[in-house]
Protein backbone atom coordinates (compact mmCIF):
# COMPACT_ATOMS: atom_id res chain seq x y z
CA MET A 1 99.13 47.99 38.06
CA SER A 2 96.98 50.48 39.97
CA GLN A 3 98.70 53.56 41.37
CA VAL A 4 101.55 52.79 43.74
CA LYS A 5 100.77 53.81 47.29
CA VAL A 6 103.03 53.05 50.22
CA ARG A 7 103.01 53.95 53.88
CA PHE A 8 105.44 54.55 56.71
CA ALA A 9 103.71 53.86 60.00
CA PRO A 10 105.77 54.68 63.09
CA SER A 11 104.36 54.54 66.59
CA PRO A 12 104.77 57.93 68.29
CA THR A 13 106.20 56.37 71.45
CA GLY A 14 109.77 57.55 70.91
CA LYS A 15 112.18 59.16 68.48
CA ILE A 16 112.81 57.66 65.07
CA HIS A 17 116.30 56.33 64.41
CA VAL A 18 118.35 55.22 61.43
CA GLY A 19 116.64 51.81 61.32
CA ASN A 20 113.16 53.34 61.12
CA VAL A 21 114.25 55.94 58.61
CA ARG A 22 115.82 53.42 56.26
CA ALA A 23 112.39 51.79 55.89
CA ALA A 24 110.77 55.20 55.41
CA LEU A 25 113.36 56.14 52.80
CA PHE A 26 112.88 52.94 50.80
CA ASN A 27 109.12 53.53 50.75
CA TRP A 28 109.55 57.17 49.72
CA LEU A 29 112.09 56.42 46.98
CA PHE A 30 109.88 53.70 45.52
CA ALA A 31 106.83 55.98 45.52
CA GLN A 32 108.83 58.78 43.90
CA LYS A 33 110.20 56.52 41.20
CA GLU A 34 106.79 55.06 40.39
CA GLY A 35 104.95 58.37 40.52
CA GLY A 36 103.00 57.12 43.52
CA ILE A 37 101.84 58.32 46.92
CA PHE A 38 103.78 58.20 50.17
CA MET A 39 101.51 58.10 53.20
CA LEU A 40 102.59 58.84 56.77
CA ARG A 41 100.46 57.03 59.32
CA SER A 42 100.74 57.58 63.05
CA ASP A 43 100.19 54.18 64.69
CA ASP A 44 99.11 55.64 68.02
CA THR A 45 96.69 53.00 69.30
CA ASP A 46 98.86 52.68 72.43
CA GLN A 47 97.29 55.70 74.08
CA ALA A 48 99.31 55.29 77.27
CA ARG A 49 102.68 55.68 75.52
CA SER A 50 101.89 57.69 72.40
CA THR A 51 102.38 61.45 72.59
CA LYS A 52 101.79 64.42 70.31
CA GLU A 53 105.35 65.52 71.05
CA TYR A 54 106.78 62.33 69.56
CA GLU A 55 104.38 62.51 66.61
CA ASP A 56 105.45 66.08 65.84
CA GLY A 57 109.09 65.08 66.27
CA ILE A 58 108.74 62.26 63.74
CA GLN A 59 107.22 64.61 61.17
CA ARG A 60 109.93 67.19 61.84
CA ASP A 61 112.71 64.61 61.41
CA LEU A 62 111.27 63.24 58.17
CA ALA A 63 110.79 66.73 56.72
CA TRP A 64 114.38 67.62 57.63
CA LEU A 65 115.56 64.57 55.68
CA GLY A 66 113.42 65.55 52.68
CA ILE A 67 110.98 62.65 53.13
CA THR A 68 107.65 64.35 52.51
CA HIS A 69 104.20 62.77 52.59
CA GLN A 70 101.12 63.39 50.48
CA GLU A 71 98.65 61.82 52.89
CA PHE A 72 98.46 61.51 56.66
CA ALA A 73 96.31 59.43 59.01
CA ARG A 74 96.16 58.85 62.74
CA GLN A 75 95.00 55.48 64.07
CA SER A 76 93.53 56.97 67.25
CA GLU A 77 90.90 58.62 65.03
CA ARG A 78 89.82 55.31 63.44
CA PHE A 79 88.73 53.10 66.32
CA GLY A 80 85.23 52.88 64.82
CA GLU A 81 86.65 51.14 61.74
CA TYR A 82 88.62 48.68 63.89
CA ASP A 83 85.58 47.95 66.06
CA ALA A 84 83.48 47.16 62.97
CA ALA A 85 86.13 44.85 61.53
CA ALA A 86 86.62 43.08 64.87
CA ALA A 87 82.87 42.54 65.29
CA TRP A 88 82.65 41.01 61.81
CA LEU A 89 85.64 38.72 62.45
CA LYS A 90 84.08 37.54 65.71
CA ASN A 91 80.76 36.89 64.01
CA GLU A 92 82.55 34.86 61.33
CA GLY A 93 84.31 32.75 63.96
CA LEU A 94 87.67 34.06 62.84
CA LEU A 95 88.41 35.94 66.06
CA TYR A 96 88.01 33.82 69.16
CA ALA A 97 88.09 34.56 72.89
CA CYS A 98 90.89 33.13 75.05
CA TYR A 99 90.97 33.24 78.85
CA GLU A 100 94.44 31.99 79.77
CA THR A 101 96.44 34.30 81.99
CA ALA A 102 99.97 35.35 81.07
CA GLU A 103 101.30 32.96 83.73
CA GLU A 104 99.30 30.04 82.34
CA LEU A 105 100.50 30.71 78.82
CA ASP A 106 104.09 30.91 80.05
CA ARG A 107 103.74 27.51 81.75
CA LYS A 108 102.36 26.00 78.55
CA ARG A 109 105.31 27.29 76.55
CA LYS A 110 107.81 25.94 79.07
CA LEU A 111 106.17 22.51 78.99
CA GLN A 112 106.24 22.45 75.20
CA ARG A 113 109.93 23.38 75.13
CA ALA A 114 110.68 20.69 77.71
CA ARG A 115 109.05 18.14 75.41
CA GLY A 116 111.04 19.41 72.42
CA LEU A 117 107.98 21.00 70.84
CA PRO A 118 107.74 24.51 69.36
CA PRO A 119 105.99 26.94 71.75
CA VAL A 120 102.90 27.34 69.57
CA TYR A 121 99.53 28.13 71.13
CA ASP A 122 97.51 24.91 71.43
CA ARG A 123 94.13 26.51 70.57
CA ALA A 124 92.61 25.20 73.78
CA ALA A 125 90.25 28.16 73.85
CA LEU A 126 88.46 26.85 70.75
CA GLU A 127 87.21 23.92 72.85
CA LEU A 128 85.68 26.06 75.61
CA SER A 129 81.94 25.73 76.13
CA GLU A 130 79.73 28.75 76.79
CA GLU A 131 79.43 27.57 80.40
CA GLN A 132 83.21 27.54 80.79
CA LYS A 133 83.50 31.01 79.31
CA THR A 134 80.81 32.27 81.65
CA ALA A 135 82.62 30.72 84.60
CA PHE A 136 85.91 32.39 83.63
CA GLU A 137 84.19 35.75 83.33
CA ALA A 138 82.53 35.22 86.70
CA GLU A 139 86.06 34.88 88.11
CA GLY A 140 86.80 38.34 86.72
CA ARG A 141 88.82 37.13 83.74
CA LYS A 142 88.72 39.24 80.60
CA PRO A 143 89.35 37.49 77.27
CA HIS A 144 92.05 38.31 74.79
CA TRP A 145 91.15 37.62 71.18
CA ARG A 146 93.15 35.55 68.69
CA LEU A 147 92.88 35.30 64.91
CA LYS A 148 92.10 31.76 63.82
CA LEU A 149 94.67 30.90 61.20
CA SER A 150 94.05 28.38 58.43
CA GLN A 151 97.02 26.22 59.49
CA GLN A 152 97.91 26.00 55.80
CA PRO A 153 101.02 27.20 53.94
CA VAL A 154 100.94 30.85 52.89
CA GLU A 155 103.03 31.83 49.88
CA TRP A 156 103.88 35.14 48.28
CA GLN A 157 106.38 36.59 45.82
CA ASP A 158 108.50 39.02 47.78
CA LEU A 159 110.10 41.82 45.76
CA ILE A 160 113.39 41.34 47.62
CA ARG A 161 113.39 37.78 49.01
CA GLY A 162 111.72 36.11 46.05
CA GLU A 163 109.32 33.23 46.72
CA VAL A 164 108.47 32.97 50.41
CA LYS A 165 106.46 30.22 52.07
CA VAL A 166 105.36 30.11 55.72
CA ASP A 167 103.30 27.26 57.18
CA THR A 168 100.85 28.85 59.59
CA SER A 169 100.40 25.53 61.39
CA ALA A 170 103.81 26.28 62.92
CA VAL A 171 102.72 29.74 64.07
CA SER A 172 100.60 30.70 67.07
CA ASP A 173 97.25 32.28 66.30
CA PRO A 174 98.15 35.95 66.84
CA VAL A 175 96.52 38.00 69.57
CA LEU A 176 94.72 40.93 67.95
CA ILE A 177 92.95 42.38 71.00
CA ARG A 178 94.31 42.41 74.55
CA GLU A 179 92.38 41.70 77.74
CA ASP A 180 91.92 45.43 78.31
CA GLY A 181 90.37 45.85 74.86
CA GLN A 182 93.41 47.53 73.32
CA TYR A 183 94.12 46.62 69.72
CA LEU A 184 97.58 45.29 69.02
CA TYR A 185 99.49 46.26 65.89
CA THR A 186 98.14 43.71 63.42
CA LEU A 187 94.41 44.48 63.21
CA PRO A 188 94.56 48.29 62.89
CA SER A 189 97.49 48.06 60.49
CA CYS A 190 95.76 45.64 58.14
CA VAL A 191 92.43 47.48 58.32
CA ASP A 192 94.24 50.71 57.40
CA ASP A 193 96.22 49.12 54.59
CA VAL A 194 93.00 47.84 53.02
CA ASP A 195 90.98 51.02 53.63
CA PHE A 196 93.70 53.32 52.29
CA ASN A 197 94.45 51.10 49.27
CA ILE A 198 98.10 50.51 50.13
CA SER A 199 99.61 48.77 47.12
CA HIS A 200 103.02 47.83 48.56
CA VAL A 201 104.16 47.10 52.10
CA ILE A 202 107.92 47.68 52.36
CA ARG A 203 109.47 46.86 55.73
CA GLY A 204 112.20 44.96 57.57
CA GLU A 205 112.70 41.23 57.30
CA ASP A 206 111.79 40.81 60.97
CA HIS A 207 108.17 41.02 59.77
CA VAL A 208 108.33 38.03 57.42
CA THR A 209 106.47 35.62 59.72
CA ASN A 210 103.97 38.36 60.58
CA THR A 211 103.31 38.79 56.88
CA ALA A 212 102.04 35.23 56.55
CA THR A 213 99.40 35.79 59.24
CA GLN A 214 98.57 39.22 57.88
CA ILE A 215 98.00 37.88 54.38
CA GLU A 216 95.27 35.67 55.83
CA LEU A 217 93.82 38.65 57.70
CA PHE A 218 93.98 40.78 54.55
CA GLY A 219 91.90 38.17 52.75
CA HIS A 220 89.22 38.31 55.45
CA LEU A 221 89.16 42.13 55.52
CA ILE A 222 88.87 42.40 51.74
CA ARG A 223 85.87 40.09 51.97
CA PHE A 224 84.47 42.21 54.82
CA ASN A 225 84.89 45.40 52.78
CA GLY A 226 83.67 43.87 49.57
CA ALA A 227 86.62 45.58 47.89
CA GLY A 228 90.38 45.95 48.06
CA THR A 229 93.49 44.18 46.85
CA MET A 230 96.28 42.26 48.54
CA PRO A 231 99.42 44.42 48.91
CA VAL A 232 102.70 43.40 47.34
CA PHE A 233 105.39 42.80 49.97
CA ALA A 234 109.09 43.64 50.11
CA HIS A 235 111.16 42.73 53.17
CA HIS A 236 114.56 44.39 53.29
CA SER A 237 117.54 43.43 55.43
CA LEU A 238 118.02 44.98 58.85
CA LEU A 239 120.80 47.30 59.98
CA VAL A 240 123.56 46.07 62.24
CA GLY A 241 126.57 47.88 63.63
CA ALA A 242 129.95 48.02 61.90
CA ASP A 243 130.95 45.08 64.10
CA GLY A 244 128.01 43.00 62.89
CA GLU A 245 126.18 43.28 66.20
CA GLY A 246 122.64 44.60 66.54
CA LEU A 247 122.02 48.33 66.88
CA SER A 248 119.37 48.10 69.61
CA LYS A 249 121.65 49.29 72.42
CA ARG A 250 122.92 52.23 70.39
CA LEU A 251 119.71 53.54 68.87
CA GLY A 252 119.44 56.37 71.37
CA SER A 253 122.57 57.98 69.94
CA LEU A 254 121.43 57.15 66.40
CA SER A 255 118.10 58.94 66.53
CA ILE A 256 117.61 61.38 63.68
CA GLU A 257 117.25 64.19 66.20
CA GLY A 258 120.55 63.16 67.80
CA LEU A 259 122.35 63.03 64.46
CA ARG A 260 120.99 66.45 63.53
CA GLU A 261 122.13 67.93 66.84
CA ALA A 262 125.55 66.36 66.29
CA GLY A 263 125.91 68.41 63.11
CA LEU A 264 125.23 65.73 60.49
CA GLU A 265 123.70 66.86 57.20
CA PRO A 266 120.43 65.23 56.06
CA GLN A 267 121.94 64.47 52.66
CA ALA A 268 124.70 62.41 54.29
CA ILE A 269 122.15 60.32 56.18
CA THR A 270 119.95 59.65 53.16
CA SER A 271 122.95 59.00 50.88
CA LEU A 272 124.21 56.32 53.24
CA LEU A 273 120.91 54.67 54.18
CA ALA A 274 119.69 54.47 50.58
CA ARG A 275 122.70 52.41 49.55
CA LEU A 276 123.41 50.23 52.60
CA GLY A 277 122.52 46.64 51.80
CA THR A 278 122.38 47.28 48.05
CA ALA A 279 124.72 46.50 45.17
CA ASP A 280 125.37 50.21 44.58
CA PRO A 281 128.41 51.94 46.12
CA VAL A 282 127.78 54.59 48.75
CA GLN A 283 128.24 58.00 47.16
CA PRO A 284 127.56 61.53 48.40
CA LYS A 285 124.33 62.88 46.94
CA GLY A 286 123.63 66.51 47.68
CA ASP A 287 119.92 66.16 46.93
CA ILE A 288 117.62 63.32 47.97
CA GLN A 289 116.01 63.40 44.52
CA GLU A 290 119.31 62.16 43.07
CA LEU A 291 118.71 58.85 44.84
CA VAL A 292 115.37 58.15 43.17
CA GLU A 293 116.48 57.02 39.72
CA ASP A 294 118.89 54.38 41.01
CA PHE A 295 116.43 52.84 43.47
CA SER A 296 115.56 49.22 42.73
CA PHE A 297 114.54 46.22 44.81
CA ASP A 298 116.65 44.07 42.47
CA LYS A 299 119.79 45.65 43.94
CA MET A 300 118.96 44.77 47.54
CA GLY A 301 120.79 41.91 49.21
CA ARG A 302 119.68 39.52 51.92
CA ALA A 303 122.67 39.99 54.24
CA PRO A 304 122.37 42.42 57.17
CA ALA A 305 123.47 45.94 56.24
CA ARG A 306 126.33 47.33 58.32
CA PHE A 307 125.88 50.86 59.61
CA ASP A 308 129.15 52.56 60.51
CA PRO A 309 128.89 56.02 62.14
CA GLN A 310 132.44 56.74 60.95
CA GLU A 311 131.36 56.16 57.36
CA LEU A 312 128.51 58.60 57.94
CA GLU A 313 130.96 61.22 59.24
CA GLN A 314 133.17 60.80 56.19
CA LEU A 315 130.20 61.04 53.87
CA ASN A 316 129.07 64.17 55.68
CA ALA A 317 132.40 65.84 54.97
CA LYS A 318 132.23 64.90 51.28
CA ILE A 319 128.72 66.36 51.04
CA LEU A 320 129.88 69.66 52.55
CA HIS A 321 132.93 69.85 50.30
CA GLU A 322 130.62 69.99 47.27
CA LEU A 323 127.75 72.12 48.59
CA PRO A 324 127.29 75.44 46.77
CA TYR A 325 126.89 78.53 48.91
CA ASP A 326 123.21 79.00 48.09
CA ARG A 327 122.48 75.68 49.88
CA VAL A 328 124.00 76.93 53.13
CA ALA A 329 123.60 80.71 52.85
CA GLU A 330 120.59 80.91 55.14
CA ARG A 331 122.37 78.94 57.86
CA LEU A 332 125.67 80.81 57.54
CA GLY A 333 124.49 84.35 56.91
CA ALA A 334 124.00 85.04 60.60
CA GLU A 335 127.58 83.87 61.20
CA GLY A 336 128.94 86.51 58.83
CA ILE A 337 130.18 83.94 56.34
CA ASP A 338 129.91 85.00 52.71
CA GLU A 339 130.34 82.97 49.53
CA THR A 340 134.04 83.76 49.12
CA LEU A 341 134.87 82.52 52.60
CA TRP A 342 132.65 79.44 52.21
CA LEU A 343 134.26 78.39 48.94
CA ALA A 344 137.71 78.94 50.46
CA VAL A 345 137.23 76.74 53.52
CA ARG A 346 134.48 74.19 52.73
CA GLY A 347 137.02 71.60 51.63
CA ASN A 348 138.52 71.60 55.12
CA ILE A 349 135.45 71.03 57.27
CA GLU A 350 133.73 67.88 58.48
CA LYS A 351 130.61 69.57 59.89
CA LEU A 352 129.07 72.87 59.00
CA GLN A 353 129.83 74.44 62.38
CA ASP A 354 133.55 73.92 61.67
CA VAL A 355 133.44 76.85 59.26
CA THR A 356 133.25 79.32 62.16
CA SER A 357 136.72 78.30 63.39
CA TRP A 358 138.15 79.15 59.98
CA ARG A 359 136.23 82.43 59.98
CA ASP A 360 137.75 83.26 63.36
CA MET A 361 141.22 82.32 62.17
CA ILE A 362 140.88 84.84 59.35
CA ARG A 363 139.05 87.67 61.09
CA ALA A 364 139.81 87.40 64.78
CA GLU A 365 143.12 87.69 66.58
CA ILE A 366 145.34 84.61 66.65
CA ASP A 367 148.74 83.76 68.09
CA PRO A 368 150.97 83.24 65.07
CA VAL A 369 153.49 80.41 65.18
CA ILE A 370 156.92 81.77 64.27
CA GLU A 371 159.57 79.19 63.38
CA ASP A 372 162.09 81.50 61.64
CA LYS A 373 161.61 85.16 62.55
CA PRO A 374 164.15 86.63 60.11
CA PHE A 375 162.39 84.78 57.31
CA THR A 376 158.86 85.87 58.31
CA ASP A 377 160.10 89.43 58.96
CA GLU A 378 161.33 89.41 55.38
CA ALA A 379 157.88 88.20 54.29
CA ALA A 380 156.24 91.06 56.21
CA SER A 381 158.36 93.59 54.34
CA LEU A 382 157.20 92.19 51.01
CA VAL A 383 153.45 92.34 51.68
CA PRO A 384 151.88 94.98 49.40
CA ASP A 385 149.34 97.50 50.67
CA GLN A 386 146.56 96.01 48.55
CA LEU A 387 146.15 92.25 48.12
CA HIS A 388 144.75 90.72 44.95
CA ASP A 389 144.32 87.22 43.54
CA GLU A 390 148.01 86.90 42.59
CA SER A 391 149.46 88.44 45.75
CA TRP A 392 150.28 85.10 47.39
CA SER A 393 152.11 83.69 44.38
CA ASP A 394 153.96 87.00 44.00
CA LEU A 395 155.04 86.90 47.66
CA VAL A 396 156.20 83.30 47.46
CA ALA A 397 158.11 83.94 44.25
CA ALA A 398 159.86 86.97 45.75
CA LEU A 399 160.83 85.05 48.91
CA LYS A 400 162.09 82.11 46.89
CA GLU A 401 164.30 84.42 44.84
CA LYS A 402 165.64 86.23 47.93
CA THR A 403 166.22 83.20 50.15
CA GLY A 404 166.63 80.27 47.79
CA ARG A 405 164.10 78.30 49.83
CA LYS A 406 161.62 75.92 48.25
CA GLY A 407 159.04 73.29 49.19
CA LYS A 408 158.00 72.97 52.82
CA GLN A 409 160.90 75.15 53.99
CA LEU A 410 159.37 77.96 51.98
CA PHE A 411 155.65 77.42 52.51
CA MET A 412 155.29 76.04 56.05
CA PRO A 413 156.74 78.98 58.03
CA LEU A 414 154.44 81.31 56.10
CA ARG A 415 151.34 79.19 56.74
CA LEU A 416 152.14 78.83 60.45
CA ALA A 417 152.66 82.54 60.85
CA LEU A 418 149.47 83.50 59.04
CA THR A 419 147.10 80.82 60.38
CA GLY A 420 148.78 79.25 63.41
CA LEU A 421 148.15 75.87 61.79
CA SER A 422 150.18 73.45 59.69
CA HIS A 423 147.24 72.56 57.45
CA GLY A 424 144.18 74.21 56.00
CA PRO A 425 142.63 75.84 52.94
CA ASP A 426 144.64 76.99 49.93
CA MET A 427 146.70 79.99 50.90
CA PRO A 428 146.09 82.33 47.92
CA VAL A 429 142.46 82.98 48.96
CA ILE A 430 143.19 82.86 52.71
CA PHE A 431 146.02 85.39 52.32
CA LYS A 432 143.74 87.80 50.50
CA LEU A 433 140.94 87.34 53.07
CA ILE A 434 143.31 87.98 55.99
CA GLY A 435 144.34 91.27 54.43
CA ALA A 436 147.61 93.15 54.20
CA GLU A 437 147.65 94.72 57.66
CA LYS A 438 146.91 91.51 59.56
CA ALA A 439 149.31 89.55 57.36
CA ARG A 440 152.21 91.89 58.11
CA ALA A 441 151.50 91.78 61.85
CA ARG A 442 151.27 88.00 61.92
CA PHE A 443 154.47 87.62 59.94
CA ARG A 444 156.15 89.81 62.56
CA GLY A 445 154.83 87.50 65.29
CA GLU A 446 152.27 89.96 66.62
CA ARG A 447 148.85 88.86 67.82
CA ALA A 448 146.51 90.04 65.09
């Protein structure tokens, strides 16, 4: 096999979301595992809706996730290549002009449905004479251009779905160029895939029917170029919500930018998306590279993959509970959080920003919760001037001997007085971090 080269080709007309990124991640993981190239392509032929702001945002989101590209291309800089390919296809009789209006096409489809027929384009434009075309243009009509399909079965071996067969006689000849001259997705995409030697096209299963028509177009373009090879295809399942319903109405809140702003870690997102719809269990992976070795198309199922935001939140917490300080030091340094504090509290946070509340509990003033003042006053009298690693166990042992208390009756009043909370990090480290003076004051019920 020649070198593996894949592409992720978003349109910069909005923010990328978990559905987009799952496709990007699969492409990236495959390229990494095969020692290949991951190409990012900005499909910005829709000049009215595409913006540099969205393009920059997509690159920023991918980089934040750890999905890096080796090559980059922008379709708006390649119109000359598309024009040349389109001219050749027209000359070959493979791209033909159609003059029906949107309303006329809609009426045709309704009539076909009424007769129990599939709403497939009837190719009436192929029967137009030059005089009829001239007459339409004299009316001010502009043609749209359709690819003339073979109307034969197209077969390919899909890396996920296995053997796939689509009869193009049951598919409308796709429109490649609109009335206003704008190229639709298919022509630029296929021209680019051939020109950039894309070896594998990995995308959602909603493209399966498109793939049949594109395979025919690939064949024409390879002949036009005099070089090139047909890509290998892999169509993965789509994401649905935890309830099995589509995600389309919720994608705004599931944009990568939105998840980042909500405090989710990139490793949680990639750990979840890499495993959804596969035979492997979802596990927290602190580094995206850890996902590469286990990646395999053979593990991917055909059923829709259920995306549960709650599962993502839980995975996020597990990631944080294992992160070493050097992975968060730059983000926490400005908050005055050192390694000792991080290691003490990381097991009790769900998002990184939660660590500041524990910092404040230790260093700022709190209102202690006093359930048994004589008992906590006794604790205050036993706090030594200097706290060390064993100070907490020494204090507890002394109180147990003096009072005979044990279990929750012994521990809970002390925790409530020192932290104001009934749960939290292990007390030996927290006690030492609070310090002797604050500990005495809190045991006495004083704000400290």
